[in-house]
Amino acid sequence: MKPRNPLPPLGWLRTFEAAARHLSFTGAARDLNMTQSAVSQQIKSLEGYLGQPLFHRRPRALELTEAGITYLPVVREAFRTLVRGTQAVTGQQENTVQVQCNITFSVNWLAPRLPAFRALHPDVHLNIFTELWEPREMAEGAAVEIRYSLRPADTVRTELLRSDHYYPVCAPDYPVTLGTLQQQPLYDCSNLLSNWASWAEDQGLNWENSPITYATTYMVGLSVAMAGGGLCLAHDTIAKRLLDEGRLIAPFEHRAPMPEAYYLLLSPQAEETPGAVAFAEWIRAEIAAEQHRA
């Protein structure tokens, strides 16, 4: 009789790691470009090979069994070893880091600071992926993500980077007062709790349902405001440089605390990549220094 292979197929293990990371066959399917049924079948095959279940199938979510909890770090460490070994053989740069963040943060905060990062870490190469909407999870291959969110799901290591206050901004000399605010062209980023109505309520204004132009990114409102076409809501992370340069002003003193915040997300492989560690440490230091100066 032919002896059984002492290891299950690598594809089954990759599917298990993705399903455990998302606690969802659907999330794993998106990551791996597979169908949900194919993910489910591979997990069943792996469980049959091991002779015990790896997940409890709940009505709306998965939960790791004791065997799954025990097996997951072993599988992850095996993949890390494979990555390091492959990089050593191929000479692939270990310090190429995939970074994911929204487009307004990447343009207004990150991009102006990239020369300083490169001066400190000339050997680290960044590939930056931008998003319009808050993603459900990190993109496949991303090591580091800066996410603007109410609170990301804890599918990966997550830490709060900064909380901001939000406020209206406009071009210098734009003619506006609190009394005429609602008659002005107003712009905002859609689907956020830090919006015009909540700012006005926090300010104590008797706010009516004024017409507001929404976009899927703050960049639209900021660009219109700089062109003198109205006012948009903003916060320090995305507007401070524009305010410091005099391209925008905050015409009112009142600033409301933002329900959303910026979070740093690190993939399971990030701590094994020196470039990802360096980039995450640099992001933390830059945010802390900026808040100390404020």
Protein backbone atom coordinates (compact mmCIF):
# COMPACT_ATOMS: atom_id res chain seq x y z
CA MET A 1 0.00 0.00 0.00
CA LYS A 2 1.25 3.45 -0.91
CA PRO A 3 2.01 5.41 2.30
CA ARG A 4 -0.13 8.47 2.99
CA ASN A 5 1.52 11.82 2.37
CA PRO A 6 2.43 13.22 5.80
CA LEU A 7 1.29 16.71 4.73
CA PRO A 8 -2.04 17.83 3.29
CA PRO A 9 -2.01 19.76 0.00
CA LEU A 10 -0.62 23.29 0.29
CA GLY A 11 -3.78 24.74 -1.27
CA TRP A 12 -5.94 23.35 1.53
CA LEU A 13 -3.68 24.97 4.12
CA ARG A 14 -3.78 28.32 2.31
CA THR A 15 -7.58 28.14 2.24
CA PHE A 16 -7.69 27.28 5.95
CA GLU A 17 -5.49 30.27 6.84
CA ALA A 18 -7.68 32.65 4.82
CA ALA A 19 -10.92 31.26 6.29
CA ALA A 20 -9.48 31.50 9.82
CA ARG A 21 -8.30 35.07 9.22
CA HIS A 22 -11.74 36.21 8.09
CA LEU A 23 -13.78 33.67 10.08
CA SER A 24 -15.77 33.48 6.87
CA PHE A 25 -15.73 31.22 3.82
CA THR A 26 -17.01 34.17 1.79
CA GLY A 27 -14.09 36.37 2.86
CA ALA A 28 -11.62 33.59 2.09
CA ALA A 29 -13.20 33.11 -1.33
CA ARG A 30 -12.72 36.80 -2.13
CA ASP A 31 -9.08 36.68 -1.04
CA LEU A 32 -8.28 33.54 -3.01
CA ASN A 33 -10.43 34.25 -6.08
CA MET A 34 -12.40 31.06 -5.48
CA THR A 35 -16.07 30.26 -5.07
CA GLN A 36 -17.47 29.91 -1.57
CA SER A 37 -18.40 26.29 -2.29
CA ALA A 38 -14.82 25.53 -3.37
CA VAL A 39 -13.51 27.03 -0.12
CA SER A 40 -16.01 25.00 1.89
CA GLN A 41 -15.05 21.81 0.06
CA GLN A 42 -11.32 22.33 0.63
CA ILE A 43 -11.91 22.94 4.34
CA LYS A 44 -13.98 19.73 4.53
CA SER A 45 -11.18 17.85 2.75
CA LEU A 46 -8.60 19.21 5.20
CA GLU A 47 -10.80 18.32 8.17
CA GLY A 48 -11.23 14.82 6.74
CA TYR A 49 -7.47 14.52 6.35
CA LEU A 50 -6.88 15.64 9.95
CA GLY A 51 -9.74 13.58 11.30
CA GLN A 52 -11.31 16.44 13.25
CA PRO A 53 -13.19 19.69 12.57
CA LEU A 54 -11.33 23.00 12.40
CA PHE A 55 -14.41 25.28 12.52
CA HIS A 56 -17.72 25.44 14.29
CA ARG A 57 -20.26 26.45 11.62
CA ARG A 58 -22.46 29.08 13.30
CA PRO A 59 -25.55 30.60 11.57
CA ARG A 60 -23.77 33.86 10.65
CA ALA A 61 -20.10 33.22 11.31
CA LEU A 62 -17.37 30.67 11.78
CA GLU A 63 -15.60 29.90 15.02
CA LEU A 64 -12.34 28.00 15.35
CA THR A 65 -12.43 24.74 17.25
CA GLU A 66 -9.70 23.86 19.72
CA ALA A 67 -7.96 21.96 16.92
CA GLY A 68 -8.26 25.00 14.65
CA ILE A 69 -6.84 27.32 17.30
CA THR A 70 -3.90 24.96 17.79
CA TYR A 71 -3.26 24.40 14.07
CA LEU A 72 -3.54 28.01 12.83
CA PRO A 73 -0.23 29.40 14.23
CA VAL A 74 1.58 26.29 12.93
CA VAL A 75 0.23 26.87 9.42
CA ARG A 76 1.03 30.59 9.52
CA GLU A 77 4.58 29.98 10.68
CA ALA A 78 5.04 27.41 7.92
CA PHE A 79 3.97 29.96 5.30
CA ARG A 80 6.31 32.58 6.79
CA THR A 81 9.18 30.08 6.56
CA LEU A 82 8.30 29.37 2.93
CA VAL A 83 8.23 33.10 2.12
CA ARG A 84 11.59 33.74 3.77
CA GLY A 85 13.14 30.71 2.09
CA THR A 86 11.80 31.66 -1.34
CA GLN A 87 13.08 35.21 -0.97
CA ALA A 88 16.51 33.90 -0.01
CA VAL A 89 16.65 31.65 -3.09
CA THR A 90 15.25 34.14 -5.61
CA GLY A 91 16.91 37.24 -4.19
CA GLN A 92 13.53 38.97 -4.12
CA GLN A 93 13.53 42.21 -2.16
CA GLU A 94 12.23 41.54 1.32
CA ASN A 95 11.58 45.24 1.85
CA THR A 96 8.90 45.78 -0.76
CA VAL A 97 5.83 46.73 1.28
CA GLN A 98 2.24 46.76 0.06
CA VAL A 99 0.37 49.68 1.71
CA GLN A 100 -3.38 50.21 1.55
CA CYS A 101 -5.14 53.51 2.43
CA ASN A 102 -7.88 55.80 1.19
CA ILE A 103 -7.12 58.24 -1.61
CA THR A 104 -7.53 61.46 0.42
CA PHE A 105 -5.14 60.27 3.14
CA SER A 106 -2.62 59.07 0.57
CA VAL A 107 -2.65 62.38 -1.37
CA ASN A 108 -2.97 64.93 1.46
CA TRP A 109 -1.08 63.26 4.31
CA LEU A 110 1.11 60.43 3.08
CA ALA A 111 2.47 61.67 -0.25
CA PRO A 112 4.03 64.93 1.07
CA ARG A 113 5.88 62.88 3.73
CA LEU A 114 7.19 60.12 1.47
CA PRO A 115 10.49 61.92 0.69
CA ALA A 116 11.22 62.00 4.44
CA PHE A 117 10.43 58.28 4.75
CA ARG A 118 12.65 57.46 1.78
CA ALA A 119 15.51 59.49 3.27
CA LEU A 120 15.26 57.40 6.46
CA HIS A 121 14.68 54.05 4.72
CA PRO A 122 16.12 54.18 1.17
CA ASP A 123 16.04 50.37 0.96
CA VAL A 124 12.27 50.11 1.58
CA HIS A 125 10.05 50.20 -1.50
CA LEU A 126 6.34 50.97 -1.13
CA ASN A 127 3.50 49.88 -3.37
CA ILE A 128 0.49 52.03 -2.43
CA PHE A 129 -3.08 50.90 -3.12
CA THR A 130 -5.82 53.51 -2.68
CA GLU A 131 -9.49 52.93 -1.83
CA LEU A 132 -12.55 55.14 -2.17
CA TRP A 133 -14.79 53.22 0.25
CA GLU A 134 -13.76 51.61 3.50
CA PRO A 135 -12.76 48.06 2.54
CA ARG A 136 -14.21 45.09 4.38
CA GLU A 137 -10.76 43.64 4.84
CA MET A 138 -7.17 44.21 3.85
CA ALA A 139 -6.41 43.61 0.21
CA GLU A 140 -4.64 40.37 -0.55
CA GLY A 141 -0.90 40.97 -0.30
CA ALA A 142 -1.22 44.18 1.73
CA ALA A 143 1.10 44.26 4.75
CA VAL A 144 0.01 47.61 6.22
CA GLU A 145 -3.24 49.54 5.98
CA ILE A 146 -4.27 52.95 7.30
CA ARG A 147 -8.06 52.83 7.57
CA TYR A 148 -10.53 55.63 8.26
CA SER A 149 -13.37 53.91 10.07
CA LEU A 150 -15.74 53.81 13.02
CA ARG A 151 -13.96 50.65 14.19
CA PRO A 152 -12.41 48.02 11.93
CA ALA A 153 -13.17 44.38 12.56
CA ASP A 154 -10.41 42.66 14.52
CA THR A 155 -9.52 40.17 11.78
CA VAL A 156 -5.90 41.39 11.88
CA ARG A 157 -3.81 43.32 14.37
CA THR A 158 -5.45 46.75 14.71
CA GLU A 159 -4.43 49.85 16.66
CA LEU A 160 -5.82 53.37 16.92
CA LEU A 161 -3.58 55.91 15.20
CA ARG A 162 -5.45 59.15 15.82
CA SER A 163 -8.85 60.72 16.46
CA ASP A 164 -9.62 64.11 14.96
CA HIS A 165 -12.11 66.95 15.18
CA TYR A 166 -14.02 68.03 12.08
CA TYR A 167 -15.03 71.48 10.88
CA PRO A 168 -15.94 73.48 7.75
CA VAL A 169 -13.21 74.83 5.49
CA CYS A 170 -13.28 77.24 2.55
CA ALA A 171 -11.02 79.42 0.44
CA PRO A 172 -9.46 82.52 2.04
CA ASP A 173 -11.77 85.56 1.87
CA TYR A 174 -14.77 83.37 1.03
CA PRO A 175 -17.80 85.40 2.27
CA VAL A 176 -19.59 83.29 4.87
CA THR A 177 -20.97 83.65 8.39
CA LEU A 178 -22.86 81.23 10.59
CA GLY A 179 -26.01 83.09 9.61
CA THR A 180 -25.44 82.60 5.88
CA LEU A 181 -23.85 79.13 6.05
CA GLN A 182 -26.93 77.22 4.96
CA GLN A 183 -27.30 79.36 1.84
CA GLN A 184 -23.80 78.43 0.62
CA PRO A 185 -22.83 75.51 -1.64
CA LEU A 186 -21.91 72.72 0.81
CA TYR A 187 -19.85 69.61 0.07
CA ASP A 188 -19.15 66.45 2.05
CA CYS A 189 -17.89 62.88 1.86
CA SER A 190 -20.81 60.45 1.81
CA ASN A 191 -21.80 57.79 4.36
CA LEU A 192 -20.04 59.30 7.39
CA LEU A 193 -21.35 60.18 10.84
CA SER A 194 -19.14 63.26 10.95
CA ASN A 195 -21.41 65.22 8.60
CA TRP A 196 -22.90 68.70 8.26
CA ALA A 197 -25.99 67.94 10.35
CA SER A 198 -23.97 66.49 13.25
CA TRP A 199 -21.48 69.38 13.15
CA ALA A 200 -24.33 71.93 13.18
CA GLU A 201 -26.04 70.13 16.07
CA ASP A 202 -22.79 70.13 18.05
CA GLN A 203 -22.41 73.84 17.21
CA GLY A 204 -25.95 74.54 18.43
CA LEU A 205 -27.32 75.70 15.09
CA ASN A 206 -30.94 75.31 14.10
CA TRP A 207 -30.00 73.23 11.07
CA GLU A 208 -32.43 72.67 8.23
CA ASN A 209 -32.14 70.07 5.51
CA SER A 210 -29.87 72.14 3.32
CA PRO A 211 -28.87 70.72 -0.08
CA ILE A 212 -25.43 69.12 0.12
CA THR A 213 -23.29 67.71 -2.67
CA TYR A 214 -21.79 64.36 -1.68
CA ALA A 215 -18.82 62.53 -3.16
CA THR A 216 -17.14 59.23 -2.38
CA THR A 217 -13.93 61.02 -1.38
CA TYR A 218 -13.08 64.19 0.53
CA MET A 219 -10.85 65.20 -2.39
CA VAL A 220 -13.84 66.50 -4.36
CA GLY A 221 -15.06 68.85 -1.61
CA LEU A 222 -11.55 70.03 -0.76
CA SER A 223 -10.86 70.83 -4.42
CA VAL A 224 -14.11 72.79 -4.79
CA ALA A 225 -13.41 74.70 -1.56
CA MET A 226 -9.89 75.64 -2.70
CA ALA A 227 -11.38 76.89 -5.95
CA GLY A 228 -13.72 79.21 -4.03
CA GLY A 229 -16.83 77.23 -4.90
CA GLY A 230 -18.23 76.65 -1.42
CA LEU A 231 -17.46 74.97 1.88
CA CYS A 232 -16.70 71.38 2.77
CA LEU A 233 -16.15 69.49 5.98
CA ALA A 234 -12.63 68.39 6.80
CA HIS A 235 -10.37 67.35 9.67
CA ASP A 236 -6.73 67.94 10.53
CA THR A 237 -5.35 64.72 9.05
CA ILE A 238 -6.50 65.70 5.56
CA ALA A 239 -6.63 69.51 5.81
CA LYS A 240 -3.81 70.72 8.08
CA ARG A 241 -1.26 71.04 5.30
CA LEU A 242 -3.74 72.99 3.16
CA LEU A 243 -4.56 75.25 6.12
CA ASP A 244 -0.87 75.80 6.91
CA GLU A 245 -0.18 76.71 3.28
CA GLY A 246 -3.06 79.20 3.28
CA ARG A 247 -4.96 77.40 0.52
CA LEU A 248 -7.87 76.87 2.90
CA ILE A 249 -9.13 78.49 6.10
CA ALA A 250 -11.45 77.32 8.87
CA PRO A 251 -13.95 80.22 9.06
CA PHE A 252 -15.49 79.14 12.39
CA GLU A 253 -13.81 78.26 15.67
CA HIS A 254 -16.05 75.34 16.56
CA ARG A 255 -14.63 71.85 16.00
CA ALA A 256 -16.63 68.70 16.77
CA PRO A 257 -15.12 65.35 17.83
CA MET A 258 -15.17 62.89 14.96
CA PRO A 259 -16.89 59.50 15.43
CA GLU A 260 -14.57 58.03 12.80
CA ALA A 261 -10.85 57.65 13.44
CA TYR A 262 -7.66 56.46 11.74
CA TYR A 263 -6.46 52.93 12.48
CA LEU A 264 -3.28 51.07 11.64
CA LEU A 265 -3.85 47.50 10.46
CA LEU A 266 -1.03 44.97 10.15
CA SER A 267 -1.27 41.67 8.33
CA PRO A 268 0.01 38.47 10.00
CA GLN A 269 3.09 38.63 7.73
CA ALA A 270 3.90 42.29 8.46
CA GLU A 271 5.99 41.60 11.56
CA GLU A 272 8.16 39.24 9.52
CA THR A 273 8.96 41.94 6.95
CA PRO A 274 11.52 44.53 8.09
CA GLY A 275 10.20 47.11 5.64
CA ALA A 276 6.65 46.78 6.95
CA VAL A 277 7.87 47.11 10.53
CA ALA A 278 9.88 50.23 9.60
CA PHE A 279 6.93 51.80 7.77
CA ALA A 280 4.50 51.11 10.64
CA GLU A 281 6.92 52.57 13.19
CA TRP A 282 7.43 55.64 10.98
CA ILE A 283 3.66 56.18 10.62
CA ARG A 284 3.22 56.02 14.41
CA ALA A 285 6.07 58.46 14.98
CA GLU A 286 4.84 60.95 12.36
CA ILE A 287 1.30 60.94 13.75
CA ALA A 288 2.57 61.35 17.33
CA ALA A 289 4.90 64.21 16.35
CA GLU A 290 2.13 66.02 14.47
CA GLN A 291 -0.27 65.73 17.40
CA HIS A 292 2.44 66.95 19.80
CA ARG A 293 2.99 70.06 17.66
CA ALA A 294 -0.76 70.80 17.45
